[in-house]
Amino acid sequence: MAVVTDRPKILLVDDRPENLLALEAILGSLDVDLVRANSGEEALRALLRAEFALILLDAQMPGMDGFETAARIKRRTRTKDVPIIFLTAVDKDMSSSYRGYVAGGADYISKPFDPWILRAKVQVFVDLWEAGRLQAAQAALLRDREGAGGDLQRAFWERFSGLEEAVHDLGAQLGDAGPGARAALDRVQQRLEELRGTLDGRVSSS
């Protein structure tokens, strides 16, 4: 099960520690949790343990490169919608950019990149993630309220019907009781009928 925290998590994937350190320095001012991964395999394991708002993925890594890592991420149902920004030192190779988008990348930034641009792009994806979380929470709250309201409504109607049956049984048991008791029972039955009519009207109009 994914670990969900209040702050969005960003997965930084690069085989060079100095690059990871530079990314942390650039993104450190954002209200996010930064998680390191030194390889594609480590990134895939990290995605099993936590939920991420964004992945910054180095395209050129030994072994499983960024493109293959991204393809595997997109094949997983739970992580296929996590946006990926590719980071690469290859800035003139259009085929690399094409491979990045084909692999499911949301954006592609060449090194050396402008820290302000990178931070701004990351903030956009973080904002989108937080908006999605808020919308999901509001939808869940609405479903809970509707569910609770439905349960209360069913319980009310069950009790109301039981009260009507009890009044009906009481009328049968009164038999030839005095006019005062019969008049009181008639008033109760009339009020119940009026109340049912009012409630039925509210339900049909809602």
C-alpha atoms as a PDB file:
ATOM      1  CA  MET A   1       0.000   0.000   0.000  1.00  0.00           C
ATOM      2  CA  ALA A   2       1.296   3.440  -0.902  1.00  0.00           C
ATOM      3  CA  VAL A   3       2.349   5.726   1.912  1.00  0.00           C
ATOM      4  CA  VAL A   4       0.406   8.993   1.662  1.00  0.00           C
ATOM      5  CA  THR A   5       1.628  12.147   3.401  1.00  0.00           C
ATOM      6  CA  ASP A   6       0.272  15.680   3.491  1.00  0.00           C
ATOM      7  CA  ARG A   7       3.252  17.072   1.553  1.00  0.00           C
ATOM      8  CA  PRO A   8       3.696  16.018  -2.062  1.00  0.00           C
ATOM      9  CA  LYS A   9       6.674  13.805  -2.817  1.00  0.00           C
ATOM     10  CA  ILE A  10       9.006  14.236  -5.780  1.00  0.00           C
ATOM     11  CA  LEU A  11      11.171  11.350  -6.913  1.00  0.00           C
ATOM     12  CA  LEU A  12      14.642  12.387  -8.146  1.00  0.00           C
ATOM     13  CA  VAL A  13      16.288   9.716 -10.297  1.00  0.00           C
ATOM     14  CA  ASP A  14      19.934  10.084 -11.388  1.00  0.00           C
ATOM     15  CA  ASP A  15      22.963   7.803 -11.203  1.00  0.00           C
ATOM     16  CA  ARG A  16      25.269  10.714 -10.308  1.00  0.00           C
ATOM     17  CA  PRO A  17      25.096  11.868  -6.655  1.00  0.00           C
ATOM     18  CA  GLU A  18      26.248  15.382  -7.553  1.00  0.00           C
ATOM     19  CA  ASN A  19      23.261  15.772  -9.887  1.00  0.00           C
ATOM     20  CA  LEU A  20      20.888  14.671  -7.152  1.00  0.00           C
ATOM     21  CA  LEU A  21      22.509  17.142  -4.769  1.00  0.00           C
ATOM     22  CA  ALA A  22      22.046  19.936  -7.315  1.00  0.00           C
ATOM     23  CA  LEU A  23      18.373  19.070  -7.772  1.00  0.00           C
ATOM     24  CA  GLU A  24      17.847  19.107  -4.027  1.00  0.00           C
ATOM     25  CA  ALA A  25      19.458  22.536  -3.805  1.00  0.00           C
ATOM     26  CA  ILE A  26      17.236  23.907  -6.571  1.00  0.00           C
ATOM     27  CA  LEU A  27      13.989  22.415  -5.247  1.00  0.00           C
ATOM     28  CA  GLY A  28      14.707  22.725  -1.545  1.00  0.00           C
ATOM     29  CA  SER A  29      12.659  25.907  -1.207  1.00  0.00           C
ATOM     30  CA  LEU A  30       9.476  24.175  -2.369  1.00  0.00           C
ATOM     31  CA  ASP A  31       7.052  22.685   0.154  1.00  0.00           C
ATOM     32  CA  VAL A  32       7.717  19.114  -0.953  1.00  0.00           C
ATOM     33  CA  ASP A  33       9.502  15.957   0.164  1.00  0.00           C
ATOM     34  CA  LEU A  34      12.421  15.010  -2.095  1.00  0.00           C
ATOM     35  CA  VAL A  35      13.250  11.312  -2.458  1.00  0.00           C
ATOM     36  CA  ARG A  36      16.461  10.082  -4.107  1.00  0.00           C
ATOM     37  CA  ALA A  37      16.893   7.106  -6.407  1.00  0.00           C
ATOM     38  CA  ASN A  38      20.296   6.232  -7.920  1.00  0.00           C
ATOM     39  CA  SER A  39      18.986   3.949 -10.676  1.00  0.00           C
ATOM     40  CA  GLY A  40      15.898   2.932 -12.577  1.00  0.00           C
ATOM     41  CA  GLU A  41      15.548  -0.180 -10.440  1.00  0.00           C
ATOM     42  CA  GLU A  42      15.695   1.872  -7.249  1.00  0.00           C
ATOM     43  CA  ALA A  43      13.102   4.268  -8.659  1.00  0.00           C
ATOM     44  CA  LEU A  44      10.691   1.409  -9.353  1.00  0.00           C
ATOM     45  CA  ARG A  45      11.111   0.159  -5.783  1.00  0.00           C
ATOM     46  CA  ALA A  46      10.491   3.655  -4.391  1.00  0.00           C
ATOM     47  CA  LEU A  47       7.244   3.878  -6.367  1.00  0.00           C
ATOM     48  CA  LEU A  48       6.020   0.734  -4.618  1.00  0.00           C
ATOM     49  CA  ARG A  49       6.506   2.337  -1.208  1.00  0.00           C
ATOM     50  CA  ALA A  50       5.075   5.821  -1.677  1.00  0.00           C
ATOM     51  CA  GLU A  51       2.847   8.030  -3.776  1.00  0.00           C
ATOM     52  CA  PHE A  52       4.620  10.697  -5.832  1.00  0.00           C
ATOM     53  CA  ALA A  53       3.365  13.912  -7.378  1.00  0.00           C
ATOM     54  CA  LEU A  54       6.189  14.030  -9.941  1.00  0.00           C
ATOM     55  CA  ILE A  55       9.291  12.186 -11.138  1.00  0.00           C
ATOM     56  CA  LEU A  56      12.437  13.949 -12.348  1.00  0.00           C
ATOM     57  CA  LEU A  57      14.179  11.273 -14.368  1.00  0.00           C
ATOM     58  CA  ASP A  58      17.652  11.338 -15.892  1.00  0.00           C
ATOM     59  CA  ALA A  59      17.391   9.913 -19.389  1.00  0.00           C
ATOM     60  CA  GLN A  60      21.020   8.759 -19.672  1.00  0.00           C
ATOM     61  CA  MET A  61      21.784   6.164 -16.978  1.00  0.00           C
ATOM     62  CA  PRO A  62      23.810   2.954 -17.155  1.00  0.00           C
ATOM     63  CA  GLY A  63      21.883  -0.277 -17.164  1.00  0.00           C
ATOM     64  CA  MET A  64      18.183   0.576 -17.205  1.00  0.00           C
ATOM     65  CA  ASP A  65      18.108   4.040 -18.738  1.00  0.00           C
ATOM     66  CA  GLY A  66      15.436   6.665 -18.131  1.00  0.00           C
ATOM     67  CA  PHE A  67      13.365   5.703 -21.167  1.00  0.00           C
ATOM     68  CA  GLU A  68      13.051   2.072 -20.117  1.00  0.00           C
ATOM     69  CA  THR A  69      12.371   3.136 -16.520  1.00  0.00           C
ATOM     70  CA  ALA A  70       9.586   5.432 -17.698  1.00  0.00           C
ATOM     71  CA  ALA A  71       8.077   2.709 -19.869  1.00  0.00           C
ATOM     72  CA  ARG A  72       7.920   0.369 -16.875  1.00  0.00           C
ATOM     73  CA  ILE A  73       6.392   3.088 -14.708  1.00  0.00           C
ATOM     74  CA  LYS A  74       3.687   3.720 -17.294  1.00  0.00           C
ATOM     75  CA  ARG A  75       2.877   0.001 -17.544  1.00  0.00           C
ATOM     76  CA  ARG A  76       1.959  -0.125 -13.845  1.00  0.00           C
ATOM     77  CA  THR A  77      -1.661   0.702 -13.158  1.00  0.00           C
ATOM     78  CA  ARG A  78      -0.905   2.528  -9.909  1.00  0.00           C
ATOM     79  CA  THR A  79       1.870   4.732 -11.320  1.00  0.00           C
ATOM     80  CA  LYS A  80       0.873   5.220 -14.963  1.00  0.00           C
ATOM     81  CA  ASP A  81      -0.539   8.698 -14.278  1.00  0.00           C
ATOM     82  CA  VAL A  82       2.478  10.048 -12.352  1.00  0.00           C
ATOM     83  CA  PRO A  83       3.980  12.814 -14.542  1.00  0.00           C
ATOM     84  CA  ILE A  84       7.637  12.473 -15.579  1.00  0.00           C
ATOM     85  CA  ILE A  85      10.060  15.251 -16.496  1.00  0.00           C
ATOM     86  CA  PHE A  86      13.094  13.899 -18.356  1.00  0.00           C
ATOM     87  CA  LEU A  87      16.472  15.489 -17.615  1.00  0.00           C
ATOM     88  CA  THR A  88      19.263  14.907 -20.110  1.00  0.00           C
ATOM     89  CA  ALA A  89      22.596  16.334 -21.217  1.00  0.00           C
ATOM     90  CA  VAL A  90      21.720  15.555 -24.843  1.00  0.00           C
ATOM     91  CA  ASP A  91      20.241  18.836 -26.004  1.00  0.00           C
ATOM     92  CA  LYS A  92      20.687  18.538 -29.764  1.00  0.00           C
ATOM     93  CA  ASP A  93      19.447  15.008 -30.350  1.00  0.00           C
ATOM     94  CA  MET A  94      15.788  15.306 -31.430  1.00  0.00           C
ATOM     95  CA  SER A  95      15.412  11.522 -31.359  1.00  0.00           C
ATOM     96  CA  SER A  96      16.089  11.584 -27.610  1.00  0.00           C
ATOM     97  CA  SER A  97      13.313  14.115 -27.106  1.00  0.00           C
ATOM     98  CA  TYR A  98      11.000  11.988 -29.207  1.00  0.00           C
ATOM     99  CA  ARG A  99      11.857   8.878 -27.198  1.00  0.00           C
ATOM    100  CA  GLY A 100      11.097  10.783 -24.000  1.00  0.00           C
ATOM    101  CA  TYR A 101       7.600  11.764 -25.087  1.00  0.00           C
ATOM    102  CA  VAL A 102       6.907   8.300 -26.503  1.00  0.00           C
ATOM    103  CA  ALA A 103       7.924   6.794 -23.160  1.00  0.00           C
ATOM    104  CA  GLY A 104       5.287   8.902 -21.430  1.00  0.00           C
ATOM    105  CA  GLY A 105       7.257  11.966 -20.407  1.00  0.00           C
ATOM    106  CA  ALA A 106       5.246  15.098 -19.641  1.00  0.00           C
ATOM    107  CA  ASP A 107       8.220  17.377 -20.296  1.00  0.00           C
ATOM    108  CA  TYR A 108      11.853  17.254 -21.399  1.00  0.00           C
ATOM    109  CA  ILE A 109      14.582  19.557 -20.062  1.00  0.00           C
ATOM    110  CA  SER A 110      18.170  19.610 -21.288  1.00  0.00           C
ATOM    111  CA  LYS A 111      21.150  20.100 -18.999  1.00  0.00           C
ATOM    112  CA  PRO A 112      22.450  22.514 -17.984  1.00  0.00           C
ATOM    113  CA  PHE A 113      18.977  23.832 -17.183  1.00  0.00           C
ATOM    114  CA  ASP A 114      17.833  27.116 -15.731  1.00  0.00           C
ATOM    115  CA  PRO A 115      17.047  26.537 -12.018  1.00  0.00           C
ATOM    116  CA  TRP A 116      14.189  29.049 -12.123  1.00  0.00           C
ATOM    117  CA  ILE A 117      12.540  27.332 -15.064  1.00  0.00           C
ATOM    118  CA  LEU A 118      12.899  23.894 -13.510  1.00  0.00           C
ATOM    119  CA  ARG A 119      11.513  25.086 -10.172  1.00  0.00           C
ATOM    120  CA  ALA A 120       8.577  26.802 -11.908  1.00  0.00           C
ATOM    121  CA  LYS A 121       7.718  23.695 -13.923  1.00  0.00           C
ATOM    122  CA  VAL A 122       7.924  21.479 -10.864  1.00  0.00           C
ATOM    123  CA  GLN A 123       5.647  23.862  -8.947  1.00  0.00           C
ATOM    124  CA  VAL A 124       3.022  23.594 -11.703  1.00  0.00           C
ATOM    125  CA  PHE A 125       2.923  19.809 -11.397  1.00  0.00           C
ATOM    126  CA  VAL A 126       2.835  20.019  -7.594  1.00  0.00           C
ATOM    127  CA  ASP A 127      -0.114  22.422  -7.781  1.00  0.00           C
ATOM    128  CA  LEU A 128      -1.937  20.070 -10.143  1.00  0.00           C
ATOM    129  CA  TRP A 129      -1.324  17.149  -7.799  1.00  0.00           C
ATOM    130  CA  GLU A 130      -2.605  19.066  -4.789  1.00  0.00           C
ATOM    131  CA  ALA A 131      -5.689  20.184  -6.725  1.00  0.00           C
ATOM    132  CA  GLY A 132      -6.389  16.576  -7.665  1.00  0.00           C
ATOM    133  CA  ARG A 133      -6.017  15.442  -4.063  1.00  0.00           C
ATOM    134  CA  LEU A 134      -8.383  18.188  -2.885  1.00  0.00           C
ATOM    135  CA  GLN A 135     -10.970  17.281  -5.497  1.00  0.00           C
ATOM    136  CA  ALA A 136     -10.765  13.592  -4.550  1.00  0.00           C
ATOM    137  CA  ALA A 137     -11.135  14.425  -0.852  1.00  0.00           C
ATOM    138  CA  GLN A 138     -14.182  16.600  -1.533  1.00  0.00           C
ATOM    139  CA  ALA A 139     -15.780  13.875  -3.644  1.00  0.00           C
ATOM    140  CA  ALA A 140     -15.176  11.295  -0.904  1.00  0.00           C
ATOM    141  CA  LEU A 141     -16.659  13.630   1.713  1.00  0.00           C
ATOM    142  CA  LEU A 142     -19.735  14.176  -0.456  1.00  0.00           C
ATOM    143  CA  ARG A 143     -20.169  10.428  -0.923  1.00  0.00           C
ATOM    144  CA  ASP A 144     -19.871   9.887   2.836  1.00  0.00           C
ATOM    145  CA  ARG A 145     -22.434  12.582   3.545  1.00  0.00           C
ATOM    146  CA  GLU A 146     -24.825  11.187   0.971  1.00  0.00           C
ATOM    147  CA  GLY A 147     -24.357   7.716   2.382  1.00  0.00           C
ATOM    148  CA  ALA A 148     -24.957   8.885   5.929  1.00  0.00           C
ATOM    149  CA  GLY A 149     -27.992  10.891   4.821  1.00  0.00           C
ATOM    150  CA  GLY A 150     -29.419   7.869   3.047  1.00  0.00           C
ATOM    151  CA  ASP A 151     -28.989   5.682   6.130  1.00  0.00           C
ATOM    152  CA  LEU A 152     -30.690   8.293   8.316  1.00  0.00           C
ATOM    153  CA  GLN A 153     -33.531   8.648   5.848  1.00  0.00           C
ATOM    154  CA  ARG A 154     -34.110   4.888   5.703  1.00  0.00           C
ATOM    155  CA  ALA A 155     -34.026   4.632   9.496  1.00  0.00           C
ATOM    156  CA  PHE A 156     -36.518   7.502   9.790  1.00  0.00           C
ATOM    157  CA  TRP A 157     -38.980   5.970   7.352  1.00  0.00           C
ATOM    158  CA  GLU A 158     -38.750   2.607   9.087  1.00  0.00           C
ATOM    159  CA  ARG A 159     -39.611   4.217  12.420  1.00  0.00           C
ATOM    160  CA  PHE A 160     -42.347   6.353  10.877  1.00  0.00           C
ATOM    161  CA  SER A 161     -43.964   3.302   9.274  1.00  0.00           C
ATOM    162  CA  GLY A 162     -43.719   1.482  12.585  1.00  0.00           C
ATOM    163  CA  LEU A 163     -45.484   4.374  14.294  1.00  0.00           C
ATOM    164  CA  GLU A 164     -48.283   4.279  11.720  1.00  0.00           C
ATOM    165  CA  GLU A 165     -48.737   0.559  12.281  1.00  0.00           C
ATOM    166  CA  ALA A 166     -48.786   1.060  16.035  1.00  0.00           C
ATOM    167  CA  VAL A 167     -51.487   3.733  15.759  1.00  0.00           C
ATOM    168  CA  HIS A 168     -53.510   1.467  13.466  1.00  0.00           C
ATOM    169  CA  ASP A 169     -53.245  -1.406  15.952  1.00  0.00           C
ATOM    170  CA  LEU A 170     -54.241   0.925  18.760  1.00  0.00           C
ATOM    171  CA  GLY A 171     -57.374   1.909  16.853  1.00  0.00           C
ATOM    172  CA  ALA A 172     -58.314  -1.738  16.456  1.00  0.00           C
ATOM    173  CA  GLN A 173     -57.784  -2.379  20.170  1.00  0.00           C
ATOM    174  CA  LEU A 174     -59.871   0.620  21.244  1.00  0.00           C
ATOM    175  CA  GLY A 175     -62.967  -0.910  19.722  1.00  0.00           C
ATOM    176  CA  ASP A 176     -65.966   0.744  21.350  1.00  0.00           C
ATOM    177  CA  ALA A 177     -63.936   3.028  23.565  1.00  0.00           C
ATOM    178  CA  GLY A 178     -65.423   6.348  24.581  1.00  0.00           C
ATOM    179  CA  PRO A 179     -65.703   9.233  22.114  1.00  0.00           C
ATOM    180  CA  GLY A 180     -62.858  11.124  23.759  1.00  0.00           C
ATOM    181  CA  ALA A 181     -60.349   8.324  23.160  1.00  0.00           C
ATOM    182  CA  ARG A 182     -61.604   7.796  19.617  1.00  0.00           C
ATOM    183  CA  ALA A 183     -61.365  11.555  18.871  1.00  0.00           C
ATOM    184  CA  ALA A 184     -57.796  11.659  20.202  1.00  0.00           C
ATOM    185  CA  LEU A 185     -56.861   8.684  18.050  1.00  0.00           C
ATOM    186  CA  ASP A 186     -58.442  10.308  15.009  1.00  0.00           C
ATOM    187  CA  ARG A 187     -56.381  13.457  15.593  1.00  0.00           C
ATOM    188  CA  VAL A 188     -53.168  11.411  15.828  1.00  0.00           C
ATOM    189  CA  GLN A 189     -53.997   9.575  12.614  1.00  0.00           C
ATOM    190  CA  GLN A 190     -54.787  12.840  10.864  1.00  0.00           C
ATOM    191  CA  ARG A 191     -51.489  14.388  11.949  1.00  0.00           C
ATOM    192  CA  LEU A 192     -49.600  11.324  10.738  1.00  0.00           C
ATOM    193  CA  GLU A 193     -51.307  11.528   7.352  1.00  0.00           C
ATOM    194  CA  GLU A 194     -50.470  15.239   7.084  1.00  0.00           C
ATOM    195  CA  LEU A 195     -46.852  14.589   8.074  1.00  0.00           C
ATOM    196  CA  ARG A 196     -46.490  11.782   5.528  1.00  0.00           C
ATOM    197  CA  GLY A 197     -47.903  14.036   2.806  1.00  0.00           C
ATOM    198  CA  THR A 198     -45.442  16.781   3.694  1.00  0.00           C
ATOM    199  CA  LEU A 199     -42.464  14.394   3.767  1.00  0.00           C
ATOM    200  CA  ASP A 200     -43.450  12.747   0.504  1.00  0.00           C
ATOM    201  CA  GLY A 201     -43.618  16.174  -1.108  1.00  0.00           C
ATOM    202  CA  ARG A 202     -40.114  17.068   0.093  1.00  0.00           C
ATOM    203  CA  VAL A 203     -38.644  13.787  -1.127  1.00  0.00           C
ATOM    204  CA  SER A 204     -40.246  14.118  -4.578  1.00  0.00           C
ATOM    205  CA  SER A 205     -38.971  17.676  -4.974  1.00  0.00           C
ATOM    206  CA  SER A 206     -35.384  16.920  -3.870  1.00  0.00           C
END
